[in-house]
Amino acid sequence: MTSHYLKEKKILLVDDERDLLEMTADFLRQGGYQEIYTAQSAEEALGLVKETPPDLAILDIMLPDMNGFDLMQRLREKQNYPILFLSARGEAEDRLRGYDLGADDYVVKPFLAKELLYKITAILRRAYPKAESRFDLLDCQVDLEAAEVIRGEERVRLTAKEVALLRVLYRNEGKIVTIDNLCLAIWGDNPFGYEEALMTHVRRVRKKIEADPSHPQCLVTAKGLGYKLLTKGQS
């Protein structure tokens, strides 16, 4: 599951093939990305970014008025956002040139739509890591920086280990985090033998964040695998 904040990022698509441009934009919208801007030339793209700087630009190389490599350099003069090349030119020389200029990825046409979506999500996640330290659950709010759970006027303190547990779960909200990875995040390089201690911390956290700890709706067990955190709107 993609974190919701990534879906709010603005994506610029530049390609002189209108049908492919519209198809790609439609697929991204189906994948949850709504802020999609399109251009069929470098000039149009440069005009768009003046008004609405994107969070990610996806560029064809063969444009009518400027090649994509030169357009990338023009775009990077103003702002250093991630750039992905999407081109029919799949020669190693072209791909290497793109990476040498600092492209974040290079996809050759024809491409698998789902693979492109995965690559876009991965680029955005690397470029814009989640920085929020406060998030809403069903019946409370968690502030990781203040190390406390807020429920109305009540504030309940979190221990350092509980904060570490919630932090790694929140970074992966909606996804299962394995027991091994949780132990590694909390206890460091030698996490083996901490499974029971992890279960103890999970029980304590549930008492602080769940309305009914015996029937958790936010910190959920994936039997035999690990745990996942469901924030408000996911539960």
Foldseek 3Di string as FASTA:
>chain_A
DFDLVLLAFAEEEEALPVVVQVVLLVLSVVVRRDRYHYYDALVVVVVVCVVPNGLEYEEEQDGDPHGPLVSVVVSVVVPDHAYEYEYQPDDPVVQVSCVVSPHPYYHHPPDDSVVVSVSSSVSSCVRDPDDAQWAAADQWIARLVQQWIGGPPDIHHHDPLLSQQVVVQVSVAPDFDFLVRSQCSRPNDDSPPCSVVVVVSLLVVLVRRPPDSVDDDAWADDPPGGTHGHGPPRD
